[in-house]
């Protein structure tokens, strides 16, 4: 694709950007509504149902979730409605354009109501494209990737919950001793940490009056996991983001300082370096695209909670 075609932002270019960067015209689903309106158009339809909502700009939808009726709406993902674009976008064209920027699509076969279709995922961005008959139908571009989280067997779930109940009232020193006596010193350590953290969101929602206490324990555990390099740094960041965005305002308020501190500590580049990156995503390397996305996510947390710390 030549530069002139990209400047006109063809349907193909919009789809490629969403798959490569999980953004549309430089915006993610976390963008403020005024930025979305300035970029996608001032007219949109709003569809609200329970704790889910989406704004339909025509060729792009912005989807939101909230933790309850008194909680703010949080952008989760954009959907490029390729089936509404003025030109059809072929799957082979998407493959070719992504190869040009050093990326690819991995097929994830699914069945929908007995109708054959194909879903493919971009490993770099976590965005997915659904296609039918070799043509793109829709592209879902998440604000951040979803960490893998397999369900625990019931007996293991109960055992981990009991351990967490024992861990909650301990001092930091006692917690450290508890961890040191139990963390496997092997390749099983990462799986052990996943199992330990798994029930904590459920415990927070099950005991709303103690949600801040449970959140404090989870912050402490994620901090220790970071110190131990349990997961690759990028995977830790996305687990951190899912945790932070699952906190109610009440549970998060008392931990604003730690939420800000840990988010800033995990930044893969400085704010100045982030702002210095080219606005043309095609000119950025895959590592730079990853680092920029990680930095923006962490900055969104640090900005939100840093303001509370500063008063």
C-alpha atoms as a PDB file:
ATOM      1  CA  UNK A   1       0.000   0.000   0.000  1.00  0.00           C
ATOM      2  CA  UNK A   2       1.409   3.405  -0.952  1.00  0.00           C
ATOM      3  CA  UNK A   3       1.589   6.471   1.282  1.00  0.00           C
ATOM      4  CA  UNK A   4      -1.238   8.274  -0.524  1.00  0.00           C
ATOM      5  CA  UNK A   5      -3.639   5.386   0.068  1.00  0.00           C
ATOM      6  CA  UNK A   6      -2.680   5.286   3.741  1.00  0.00           C
ATOM      7  CA  UNK A   7      -3.227   9.017   4.131  1.00  0.00           C
ATOM      8  CA  UNK A   8      -6.753   8.625   2.775  1.00  0.00           C
ATOM      9  CA  UNK A   9      -7.223   5.830   5.297  1.00  0.00           C
ATOM     10  CA  UNK A  10      -8.717   3.142   3.161  1.00  0.00           C
ATOM     11  CA  UNK A  11     -10.887   0.475   4.795  1.00  0.00           C
ATOM     12  CA  UNK A  12      -7.915  -1.879   4.562  1.00  0.00           C
ATOM     13  CA  UNK A  13      -5.666   0.557   6.418  1.00  0.00           C
ATOM     14  CA  UNK A  14      -8.199   0.996   9.227  1.00  0.00           C
ATOM     15  CA  UNK A  15      -8.412  -2.770   9.664  1.00  0.00           C
ATOM     16  CA  UNK A  16      -4.650  -3.266   9.568  1.00  0.00           C
ATOM     17  CA  UNK A  17      -4.074  -0.559  12.174  1.00  0.00           C
ATOM     18  CA  UNK A  18      -6.660  -2.125  14.493  1.00  0.00           C
ATOM     19  CA  UNK A  19      -5.039  -5.545  14.208  1.00  0.00           C
ATOM     20  CA  UNK A  20      -1.468  -4.281  14.503  1.00  0.00           C
ATOM     21  CA  UNK A  21      -1.949  -1.754  17.307  1.00  0.00           C
ATOM     22  CA  UNK A  22      -5.424  -2.352  18.848  1.00  0.00           C
ATOM     23  CA  UNK A  23      -6.139   1.290  18.025  1.00  0.00           C
ATOM     24  CA  UNK A  24      -8.176   3.092  15.365  1.00  0.00           C
ATOM     25  CA  UNK A  25      -6.758   6.351  14.024  1.00  0.00           C
ATOM     26  CA  UNK A  26      -4.437   6.356  17.017  1.00  0.00           C
ATOM     27  CA  UNK A  27      -7.196   5.918  19.612  1.00  0.00           C
ATOM     28  CA  UNK A  28      -8.088   3.032  21.912  1.00  0.00           C
ATOM     29  CA  UNK A  29     -11.378   2.378  23.688  1.00  0.00           C
ATOM     30  CA  UNK A  30     -10.011   4.295  26.690  1.00  0.00           C
ATOM     31  CA  UNK A  31      -9.988   7.562  24.750  1.00  0.00           C
ATOM     32  CA  UNK A  32     -12.271  10.302  26.160  1.00  0.00           C
ATOM     33  CA  UNK A  33     -15.540  10.797  24.330  1.00  0.00           C
ATOM     34  CA  UNK A  34     -14.523  14.206  22.942  1.00  0.00           C
ATOM     35  CA  UNK A  35     -11.490  12.622  21.275  1.00  0.00           C
ATOM     36  CA  UNK A  36     -13.602   9.800  19.844  1.00  0.00           C
ATOM     37  CA  UNK A  37     -16.156  12.286  18.509  1.00  0.00           C
ATOM     38  CA  UNK A  38     -13.455  14.478  16.965  1.00  0.00           C
ATOM     39  CA  UNK A  39     -11.932  11.456  15.238  1.00  0.00           C
ATOM     40  CA  UNK A  40     -14.826   9.120  14.495  1.00  0.00           C
ATOM     41  CA  UNK A  41     -17.653  11.631  14.087  1.00  0.00           C
ATOM     42  CA  UNK A  42     -19.911  13.682  16.319  1.00  0.00           C
ATOM     43  CA  UNK A  43     -22.961  11.487  15.708  1.00  0.00           C
ATOM     44  CA  UNK A  44     -23.267   8.139  17.470  1.00  0.00           C
ATOM     45  CA  UNK A  45     -25.881   5.851  18.966  1.00  0.00           C
ATOM     46  CA  UNK A  46     -25.598   4.803  22.590  1.00  0.00           C
ATOM     47  CA  UNK A  47     -26.798   1.365  23.691  1.00  0.00           C
ATOM     48  CA  UNK A  48     -26.839   0.609  27.441  1.00  0.00           C
ATOM     49  CA  UNK A  49     -27.695  -2.682  29.087  1.00  0.00           C
ATOM     50  CA  UNK A  50     -26.907  -3.415  32.733  1.00  0.00           C
ATOM     51  CA  UNK A  51     -23.160  -3.120  33.227  1.00  0.00           C
ATOM     52  CA  UNK A  52     -22.347  -3.060  29.506  1.00  0.00           C
ATOM     53  CA  UNK A  53     -22.621  -0.216  27.019  1.00  0.00           C
ATOM     54  CA  UNK A  54     -21.416   0.598  23.542  1.00  0.00           C
ATOM     55  CA  UNK A  55     -21.350   3.698  21.377  1.00  0.00           C
ATOM     56  CA  UNK A  56     -21.936   3.086  17.703  1.00  0.00           C
ATOM     57  CA  UNK A  57     -20.143   5.519  15.399  1.00  0.00           C
ATOM     58  CA  UNK A  58     -21.147   3.573  12.295  1.00  0.00           C
ATOM     59  CA  UNK A  59     -18.014   1.812  11.124  1.00  0.00           C
ATOM     60  CA  UNK A  60     -16.524   1.710  14.647  1.00  0.00           C
ATOM     61  CA  UNK A  61     -18.108   0.738  17.957  1.00  0.00           C
ATOM     62  CA  UNK A  62     -16.621   1.580  21.354  1.00  0.00           C
ATOM     63  CA  UNK A  63     -17.541  -0.909  24.079  1.00  0.00           C
ATOM     64  CA  UNK A  64     -17.526  -0.189  27.820  1.00  0.00           C
ATOM     65  CA  UNK A  65     -18.078  -2.058  31.072  1.00  0.00           C
ATOM     66  CA  UNK A  66     -18.625  -0.989  34.662  1.00  0.00           C
ATOM     67  CA  UNK A  67     -18.447  -2.812  37.987  1.00  0.00           C
ATOM     68  CA  UNK A  68     -21.794  -1.525  39.227  1.00  0.00           C
ATOM     69  CA  UNK A  69     -24.388   1.227  38.792  1.00  0.00           C
ATOM     70  CA  UNK A  70     -22.321   3.698  40.825  1.00  0.00           C
ATOM     71  CA  UNK A  71     -19.036   2.881  39.093  1.00  0.00           C
ATOM     72  CA  UNK A  72     -17.590   4.687  36.056  1.00  0.00           C
ATOM     73  CA  UNK A  73     -17.759   3.290  32.548  1.00  0.00           C
ATOM     74  CA  UNK A  74     -14.386   1.919  31.412  1.00  0.00           C
ATOM     75  CA  UNK A  75     -13.468   1.428  27.759  1.00  0.00           C
ATOM     76  CA  UNK A  76     -12.670  -2.224  27.037  1.00  0.00           C
ATOM     77  CA  UNK A  77     -12.410  -2.637  23.260  1.00  0.00           C
ATOM     78  CA  UNK A  78     -13.143  -1.099  19.892  1.00  0.00           C
ATOM     79  CA  UNK A  79     -14.894  -2.985  17.123  1.00  0.00           C
ATOM     80  CA  UNK A  80     -14.231  -2.098  13.502  1.00  0.00           C
ATOM     81  CA  UNK A  81     -17.362  -3.135  11.621  1.00  0.00           C
ATOM     82  CA  UNK A  82     -15.665  -4.227   8.446  1.00  0.00           C
ATOM     83  CA  UNK A  83     -19.011  -5.372   7.098  1.00  0.00           C
ATOM     84  CA  UNK A  84     -20.123  -1.705   7.059  1.00  0.00           C
ATOM     85  CA  UNK A  85     -17.047  -0.289   5.326  1.00  0.00           C
ATOM     86  CA  UNK A  86     -17.430   1.178   1.856  1.00  0.00           C
ATOM     87  CA  UNK A  87     -15.095  -1.479   0.467  1.00  0.00           C
ATOM     88  CA  UNK A  88     -14.828  -5.143   1.434  1.00  0.00           C
ATOM     89  CA  UNK A  89     -11.551  -6.123   3.089  1.00  0.00           C
ATOM     90  CA  UNK A  90     -10.147  -9.507   2.138  1.00  0.00           C
ATOM     91  CA  UNK A  91      -8.417 -11.716   4.651  1.00  0.00           C
ATOM     92  CA  UNK A  92      -5.481 -12.349   2.342  1.00  0.00           C
ATOM     93  CA  UNK A  93      -4.942  -8.576   2.092  1.00  0.00           C
ATOM     94  CA  UNK A  94      -4.804  -8.334   5.888  1.00  0.00           C
ATOM     95  CA  UNK A  95      -2.244 -11.152   6.014  1.00  0.00           C
ATOM     96  CA  UNK A  96      -0.108  -9.407   3.422  1.00  0.00           C
ATOM     97  CA  UNK A  97      -0.235  -5.983   5.066  1.00  0.00           C
ATOM     98  CA  UNK A  98       0.573  -7.381   8.506  1.00  0.00           C
ATOM     99  CA  UNK A  99       3.553  -9.266   7.084  1.00  0.00           C
ATOM    100  CA  UNK A 100       4.847  -5.935   5.754  1.00  0.00           C
ATOM    101  CA  UNK A 101       5.097  -4.646   9.344  1.00  0.00           C
ATOM    102  CA  UNK A 102       6.534  -7.843  10.806  1.00  0.00           C
ATOM    103  CA  UNK A 103       3.284  -9.158  12.251  1.00  0.00           C
ATOM    104  CA  UNK A 104       0.940 -12.049  11.595  1.00  0.00           C
ATOM    105  CA  UNK A 105      -2.443 -13.602  12.370  1.00  0.00           C
ATOM    106  CA  UNK A 106      -2.955 -16.884  14.192  1.00  0.00           C
ATOM    107  CA  UNK A 107      -6.140 -18.822  13.375  1.00  0.00           C
ATOM    108  CA  UNK A 108      -8.538 -19.538  16.231  1.00  0.00           C
ATOM    109  CA  UNK A 109     -11.312 -21.719  14.773  1.00  0.00           C
ATOM    110  CA  UNK A 110     -14.728 -21.259  16.359  1.00  0.00           C
ATOM    111  CA  UNK A 111     -18.310 -22.214  15.531  1.00  0.00           C
ATOM    112  CA  UNK A 112     -21.213 -19.786  15.778  1.00  0.00           C
ATOM    113  CA  UNK A 113     -24.714 -21.248  15.764  1.00  0.00           C
ATOM    114  CA  UNK A 114     -23.586 -23.915  13.335  1.00  0.00           C
ATOM    115  CA  UNK A 115     -22.450 -21.389  10.720  1.00  0.00           C
ATOM    116  CA  UNK A 116     -18.788 -21.852   9.711  1.00  0.00           C
ATOM    117  CA  UNK A 117     -16.642 -18.836  10.319  1.00  0.00           C
ATOM    118  CA  UNK A 118     -13.055 -18.056  11.106  1.00  0.00           C
ATOM    119  CA  UNK A 119     -11.496 -16.028  13.871  1.00  0.00           C
ATOM    120  CA  UNK A 120      -7.847 -15.061  13.805  1.00  0.00           C
ATOM    121  CA  UNK A 121      -5.791 -13.280  16.445  1.00  0.00           C
ATOM    122  CA  UNK A 122      -2.858 -10.898  16.260  1.00  0.00           C
ATOM    123  CA  UNK A 123      -0.290 -12.065  18.863  1.00  0.00           C
ATOM    124  CA  UNK A 124       1.195  -8.563  19.146  1.00  0.00           C
ATOM    125  CA  UNK A 125      -1.981  -6.612  19.907  1.00  0.00           C
ATOM    126  CA  UNK A 126      -4.405  -9.304  21.032  1.00  0.00           C
ATOM    127  CA  UNK A 127      -6.923  -7.992  18.473  1.00  0.00           C
ATOM    128  CA  UNK A 128      -9.055 -10.535  16.638  1.00  0.00           C
ATOM    129  CA  UNK A 129     -10.688 -10.567  13.225  1.00  0.00           C
ATOM    130  CA  UNK A 130     -13.768 -12.571  12.333  1.00  0.00           C
ATOM    131  CA  UNK A 131     -14.054 -13.464   8.672  1.00  0.00           C
ATOM    132  CA  UNK A 132     -16.588 -15.204   6.462  1.00  0.00           C
ATOM    133  CA  UNK A 133     -16.058 -16.256   2.891  1.00  0.00           C
ATOM    134  CA  UNK A 134     -12.540 -14.820   2.948  1.00  0.00           C
ATOM    135  CA  UNK A 135     -13.795 -11.336   3.892  1.00  0.00           C
ATOM    136  CA  UNK A 136     -13.326  -9.515   7.204  1.00  0.00           C
ATOM    137  CA  UNK A 137     -16.588  -9.043   9.126  1.00  0.00           C
ATOM    138  CA  UNK A 138     -15.441  -7.418  12.368  1.00  0.00           C
ATOM    139  CA  UNK A 139     -12.220  -6.641  14.242  1.00  0.00           C
ATOM    140  CA  UNK A 140     -12.222  -6.457  18.040  1.00  0.00           C
ATOM    141  CA  UNK A 141      -9.333  -4.377  19.412  1.00  0.00           C
ATOM    142  CA  UNK A 142      -8.954  -4.634  23.223  1.00  0.00           C
ATOM    143  CA  UNK A 143      -7.422  -1.863  25.320  1.00  0.00           C
ATOM    144  CA  UNK A 144      -5.098  -4.520  26.759  1.00  0.00           C
ATOM    145  CA  UNK A 145      -4.721  -8.283  26.196  1.00  0.00           C
ATOM    146  CA  UNK A 146      -6.572 -10.757  28.386  1.00  0.00           C
ATOM    147  CA  UNK A 147      -4.229 -12.797  30.608  1.00  0.00           C
ATOM    148  CA  UNK A 148      -4.771 -16.531  30.437  1.00  0.00           C
ATOM    149  CA  UNK A 149      -6.748 -17.685  33.475  1.00  0.00           C
ATOM    150  CA  UNK A 150      -7.843 -21.311  33.663  1.00  0.00           C
ATOM    151  CA  UNK A 151     -10.502 -22.350  36.170  1.00  0.00           C
ATOM    152  CA  UNK A 152      -9.258 -24.162  39.273  1.00  0.00           C
ATOM    153  CA  UNK A 153     -10.718 -27.536  40.328  1.00  0.00           C
ATOM    154  CA  UNK A 154     -13.207 -27.066  43.166  1.00  0.00           C
ATOM    155  CA  UNK A 155     -11.019 -28.736  45.807  1.00  0.00           C
ATOM    156  CA  UNK A 156      -8.018 -26.609  44.851  1.00  0.00           C
ATOM    157  CA  UNK A 157     -10.153 -23.448  44.813  1.00  0.00           C
ATOM    158  CA  UNK A 158     -11.326 -24.101  48.363  1.00  0.00           C
ATOM    159  CA  UNK A 159      -7.801 -24.851  49.558  1.00  0.00           C
ATOM    160  CA  UNK A 160      -6.408 -21.651  48.032  1.00  0.00           C
ATOM    161  CA  UNK A 161      -9.252 -19.591  49.511  1.00  0.00           C
ATOM    162  CA  UNK A 162      -8.458 -21.037  52.946  1.00  0.00           C
ATOM    163  CA  UNK A 163      -4.780 -20.108  52.510  1.00  0.00           C
ATOM    164  CA  UNK A 164      -5.693 -16.565  51.509  1.00  0.00           C
ATOM    165  CA  UNK A 165      -7.971 -16.219  54.519  1.00  0.00           C
ATOM    166  CA  UNK A 166      -4.989 -17.197  56.701  1.00  0.00           C
ATOM    167  CA  UNK A 167      -2.701 -14.788  54.849  1.00  0.00           C
ATOM    168  CA  UNK A 168      -4.958 -11.719  54.972  1.00  0.00           C
ATOM    169  CA  UNK A 169      -4.520 -10.704  58.657  1.00  0.00           C
ATOM    170  CA  UNK A 170      -0.753 -11.295  58.768  1.00  0.00           C
ATOM    171  CA  UNK A 171       1.817  -8.508  58.948  1.00  0.00           C
ATOM    172  CA  UNK A 172       4.070  -7.921  55.931  1.00  0.00           C
ATOM    173  CA  UNK A 173       6.897  -9.724  57.693  1.00  0.00           C
ATOM    174  CA  UNK A 174       4.678 -12.699  58.448  1.00  0.00           C
ATOM    175  CA  UNK A 175       3.384 -12.718  54.886  1.00  0.00           C
ATOM    176  CA  UNK A 176       6.953 -12.777  53.616  1.00  0.00           C
ATOM    177  CA  UNK A 177       7.739 -15.772  55.810  1.00  0.00           C
ATOM    178  CA  UNK A 178       4.533 -17.484  54.629  1.00  0.00           C
ATOM    179  CA  UNK A 179       5.543 -17.014  50.981  1.00  0.00           C
ATOM    180  CA  UNK A 180       9.145 -18.078  51.496  1.00  0.00           C
ATOM    181  CA  UNK A 181       7.973 -21.366  52.999  1.00  0.00           C
ATOM    182  CA  UNK A 182       5.590 -22.182  50.141  1.00  0.00           C
ATOM    183  CA  UNK A 183       6.714 -20.751  46.779  1.00  0.00           C
ATOM    184  CA  UNK A 184       8.062 -23.591  44.594  1.00  0.00           C
ATOM    185  CA  UNK A 185      11.631 -23.071  43.500  1.00  0.00           C
ATOM    186  CA  UNK A 186      11.007 -24.546  40.068  1.00  0.00           C
ATOM    187  CA  UNK A 187       9.270 -24.126  36.756  1.00  0.00           C
ATOM    188  CA  UNK A 188       6.007 -24.644  38.643  1.00  0.00           C
ATOM    189  CA  UNK A 189       6.338 -21.263  40.381  1.00  0.00           C
ATOM    190  CA  UNK A 190       4.401 -19.296  37.727  1.00  0.00           C
ATOM    191  CA  UNK A 191       1.457 -21.717  37.856  1.00  0.00           C
ATOM    192  CA  UNK A 192       1.529 -21.623  41.665  1.00  0.00           C
ATOM    193  CA  UNK A 193       1.269 -17.822  41.622  1.00  0.00           C
ATOM    194  CA  UNK A 194      -1.610 -17.928  39.134  1.00  0.00           C
ATOM    195  CA  UNK A 195      -3.490 -20.322  41.420  1.00  0.00           C
ATOM    196  CA  UNK A 196      -2.798 -18.190  44.498  1.00  0.00           C
ATOM    197  CA  UNK A 197      -4.090 -14.997  42.870  1.00  0.00           C
ATOM    198  CA  UNK A 198      -7.018 -16.628  41.077  1.00  0.00           C
ATOM    199  CA  UNK A 199      -9.704 -16.420  43.848  1.00  0.00           C
ATOM    200  CA  UNK A 200      -8.885 -12.891  45.015  1.00  0.00           C
ATOM    201  CA  UNK A 201     -11.324 -11.015  42.710  1.00  0.00           C
ATOM    202  CA  UNK A 202     -14.122 -13.339  43.820  1.00  0.00           C
ATOM    203  CA  UNK A 203     -13.231 -12.776  47.480  1.00  0.00           C
ATOM    204  CA  UNK A 204     -13.305  -9.002  46.934  1.00  0.00           C
ATOM    205  CA  UNK A 205     -16.766  -9.105  45.417  1.00  0.00           C
ATOM    206  CA  UNK A 206     -18.028 -11.663  47.922  1.00  0.00           C
ATOM    207  CA  UNK A 207     -16.973  -9.494  50.864  1.00  0.00           C
ATOM    208  CA  UNK A 208     -17.513  -5.878  49.735  1.00  0.00           C
ATOM    209  CA  UNK A 209     -16.943  -4.469  53.235  1.00  0.00           C
ATOM    210  CA  UNK A 210     -13.469  -6.042  53.205  1.00  0.00           C
ATOM    211  CA  UNK A 211     -12.749  -5.363  49.534  1.00  0.00           C
ATOM    212  CA  UNK A 212     -10.071  -2.779  50.360  1.00  0.00           C
ATOM    213  CA  UNK A 213      -8.300  -5.316  52.614  1.00  0.00           C
ATOM    214  CA  UNK A 214      -8.374  -7.962  49.913  1.00  0.00           C
ATOM    215  CA  UNK A 215      -7.153  -5.418  47.356  1.00  0.00           C
ATOM    216  CA  UNK A 216      -4.237  -4.539  49.648  1.00  0.00           C
ATOM    217  CA  UNK A 217      -3.255  -8.206  49.852  1.00  0.00           C
ATOM    218  CA  UNK A 218      -3.451  -8.569  46.073  1.00  0.00           C
ATOM    219  CA  UNK A 219      -1.298  -5.476  45.551  1.00  0.00           C
ATOM    220  CA  UNK A 220       1.276  -6.896  47.954  1.00  0.00           C
ATOM    221  CA  UNK A 221       1.265 -10.281  46.199  1.00  0.00           C
ATOM    222  CA  UNK A 222       1.564  -8.760  42.719  1.00  0.00           C
ATOM    223  CA  UNK A 223       4.460  -6.648  43.994  1.00  0.00           C
ATOM    224  CA  UNK A 224       6.203  -9.792  45.271  1.00  0.00           C
ATOM    225  CA  UNK A 225       5.498 -11.571  41.973  1.00  0.00           C
ATOM    226  CA  UNK A 226       7.154  -8.682  40.140  1.00  0.00           C
ATOM    227  CA  UNK A 227      10.186  -8.858  42.451  1.00  0.00           C
ATOM    228  CA  UNK A 228      10.474 -12.587  41.746  1.00  0.00           C
ATOM    229  CA  UNK A 229      10.051 -12.114  37.957  1.00  0.00           C
ATOM    230  CA  UNK A 230       7.390 -14.825  38.021  1.00  0.00           C
ATOM    231  CA  UNK A 231       6.144 -13.844  34.556  1.00  0.00           C
ATOM    232  CA  UNK A 232       7.693 -11.910  31.687  1.00  0.00           C
ATOM    233  CA  UNK A 233       7.340  -8.210  32.474  1.00  0.00           C
ATOM    234  CA  UNK A 234       4.699  -7.572  29.807  1.00  0.00           C
ATOM    235  CA  UNK A 235       2.541 -10.427  31.104  1.00  0.00           C
ATOM    236  CA  UNK A 236       2.842  -9.048  34.636  1.00  0.00           C
ATOM    237  CA  UNK A 237       1.670  -5.645  33.394  1.00  0.00           C
ATOM    238  CA  UNK A 238      -1.470  -7.065  31.786  1.00  0.00           C
ATOM    239  CA  UNK A 239      -2.280  -9.034  34.950  1.00  0.00           C
ATOM    240  CA  UNK A 240      -1.770  -5.800  36.887  1.00  0.00           C
ATOM    241  CA  UNK A 241      -4.072  -3.914  34.525  1.00  0.00           C
ATOM    242  CA  UNK A 242      -6.861  -6.463  34.876  1.00  0.00           C
ATOM    243  CA  UNK A 243      -6.513  -6.251  38.644  1.00  0.00           C
ATOM    244  CA  UNK A 244      -6.567  -2.440  38.767  1.00  0.00           C
ATOM    245  CA  UNK A 245      -9.540  -2.173  36.427  1.00  0.00           C
ATOM    246  CA  UNK A 246     -11.461  -4.713  38.509  1.00  0.00           C
ATOM    247  CA  UNK A 247     -11.283  -2.491  41.612  1.00  0.00           C
ATOM    248  CA  UNK A 248     -14.310  -0.536  42.728  1.00  0.00           C
ATOM    249  CA  UNK A 249     -13.676   3.114  43.523  1.00  0.00           C
ATOM    250  CA  UNK A 250     -14.107   2.444  47.231  1.00  0.00           C
ATOM    251  CA  UNK A 251     -11.631  -0.454  47.260  1.00  0.00           C
ATOM    252  CA  UNK A 252      -9.074   1.468  45.204  1.00  0.00           C
ATOM    253  CA  UNK A 253      -9.198   4.781  47.061  1.00  0.00           C
ATOM    254  CA  UNK A 254      -7.142   3.689  50.076  1.00  0.00           C
ATOM    255  CA  UNK A 255      -4.477   2.195  47.817  1.00  0.00           C
ATOM    256  CA  UNK A 256      -4.033   5.144  45.445  1.00  0.00           C
ATOM    257  CA  UNK A 257      -0.376   5.636  46.401  1.00  0.00           C
ATOM    258  CA  UNK A 258       0.569   1.999  45.782  1.00  0.00           C
ATOM    259  CA  UNK A 259      -1.423   1.835  42.541  1.00  0.00           C
ATOM    260  CA  UNK A 260       0.434   4.899  41.292  1.00  0.00           C
ATOM    261  CA  UNK A 261       3.840   3.754  42.526  1.00  0.00           C
ATOM    262  CA  UNK A 262       3.709   0.272  41.023  1.00  0.00           C
ATOM    263  CA  UNK A 263       2.287   1.500  37.719  1.00  0.00           C
ATOM    264  CA  UNK A 264       5.056   4.068  37.309  1.00  0.00           C
ATOM    265  CA  UNK A 265       7.709   1.541  38.352  1.00  0.00           C
ATOM    266  CA  UNK A 266       6.569  -0.837  35.600  1.00  0.00           C
ATOM    267  CA  UNK A 267       6.747   1.796  32.830  1.00  0.00           C
ATOM    268  CA  UNK A 268       8.904   0.444  29.966  1.00  0.00           C
ATOM    269  CA  UNK A 269       9.775   3.974  28.811  1.00  0.00           C
ATOM    270  CA  UNK A 270       9.590   7.493  30.136  1.00  0.00           C
ATOM    271  CA  UNK A 271       6.697   9.817  29.339  1.00  0.00           C
ATOM    272  CA  UNK A 272       9.072  11.922  27.242  1.00  0.00           C
ATOM    273  CA  UNK A 273      10.114   8.861  25.224  1.00  0.00           C
ATOM    274  CA  UNK A 274       6.477   7.902  24.721  1.00  0.00           C
ATOM    275  CA  UNK A 275       5.575  11.363  23.439  1.00  0.00           C
ATOM    276  CA  UNK A 276       8.642  11.378  21.177  1.00  0.00           C
ATOM    277  CA  UNK A 277       7.497   8.291  19.258  1.00  0.00           C
ATOM    278  CA  UNK A 278       6.332   8.835  15.703  1.00  0.00           C
ATOM    279  CA  UNK A 279       2.590   9.282  15.194  1.00  0.00           C
ATOM    280  CA  UNK A 280       2.894   6.968  12.162  1.00  0.00           C
ATOM    281  CA  UNK A 281       2.509   3.510  13.682  1.00  0.00           C
ATOM    282  CA  UNK A 282       3.960   1.870  10.563  1.00  0.00           C
ATOM    283  CA  UNK A 283       7.302   3.535  11.227  1.00  0.00           C
ATOM    284  CA  UNK A 284       7.565   1.900  14.667  1.00  0.00           C
ATOM    285  CA  UNK A 285       9.127  -1.469  15.327  1.00  0.00           C
ATOM    286  CA  UNK A 286       7.083  -4.225  16.938  1.00  0.00           C
ATOM    287  CA  UNK A 287       9.004  -3.819  20.252  1.00  0.00           C
ATOM    288  CA  UNK A 288       8.239  -0.077  20.214  1.00  0.00           C
ATOM    289  CA  UNK A 289       4.548  -0.747  19.549  1.00  0.00           C
ATOM    290  CA  UNK A 290       4.463  -3.138  22.501  1.00  0.00           C
ATOM    291  CA  UNK A 291       6.302  -0.754  24.818  1.00  0.00           C
ATOM    292  CA  UNK A 292       4.137   2.203  23.820  1.00  0.00           C
ATOM    293  CA  UNK A 293       0.934   0.291  24.466  1.00  0.00           C
ATOM    294  CA  UNK A 294       2.198  -0.913  27.841  1.00  0.00           C
ATOM    295  CA  UNK A 295       3.316   2.594  28.793  1.00  0.00           C
ATOM    296  CA  UNK A 296      -0.036   4.150  27.841  1.00  0.00           C
ATOM    297  CA  UNK A 297      -1.926   1.583  29.912  1.00  0.00           C
ATOM    298  CA  UNK A 298       0.228   2.168  32.987  1.00  0.00           C
ATOM    299  CA  UNK A 299       0.069   5.931  32.543  1.00  0.00           C
ATOM    300  CA  UNK A 300      -3.721   5.768  32.557  1.00  0.00           C
ATOM    301  CA  UNK A 301      -3.567   4.169  36.015  1.00  0.00           C
ATOM    302  CA  UNK A 302      -0.877   6.481  37.357  1.00  0.00           C
ATOM    303  CA  UNK A 303      -2.747   9.541  36.105  1.00  0.00           C
ATOM    304  CA  UNK A 304      -6.051   8.444  37.620  1.00  0.00           C
ATOM    305  CA  UNK A 305      -4.697   7.552  41.040  1.00  0.00           C
ATOM    306  CA  UNK A 306      -1.794   9.995  41.174  1.00  0.00           C
ATOM    307  CA  UNK A 307      -4.286  12.845  41.205  1.00  0.00           C
ATOM    308  CA  UNK A 308      -5.815  11.408  44.372  1.00  0.00           C
ATOM    309  CA  UNK A 309      -2.411  11.085  46.014  1.00  0.00           C
ATOM    310  CA  UNK A 310      -1.618  14.728  45.225  1.00  0.00           C
ATOM    311  CA  UNK A 311      -5.040  15.794  46.504  1.00  0.00           C
END
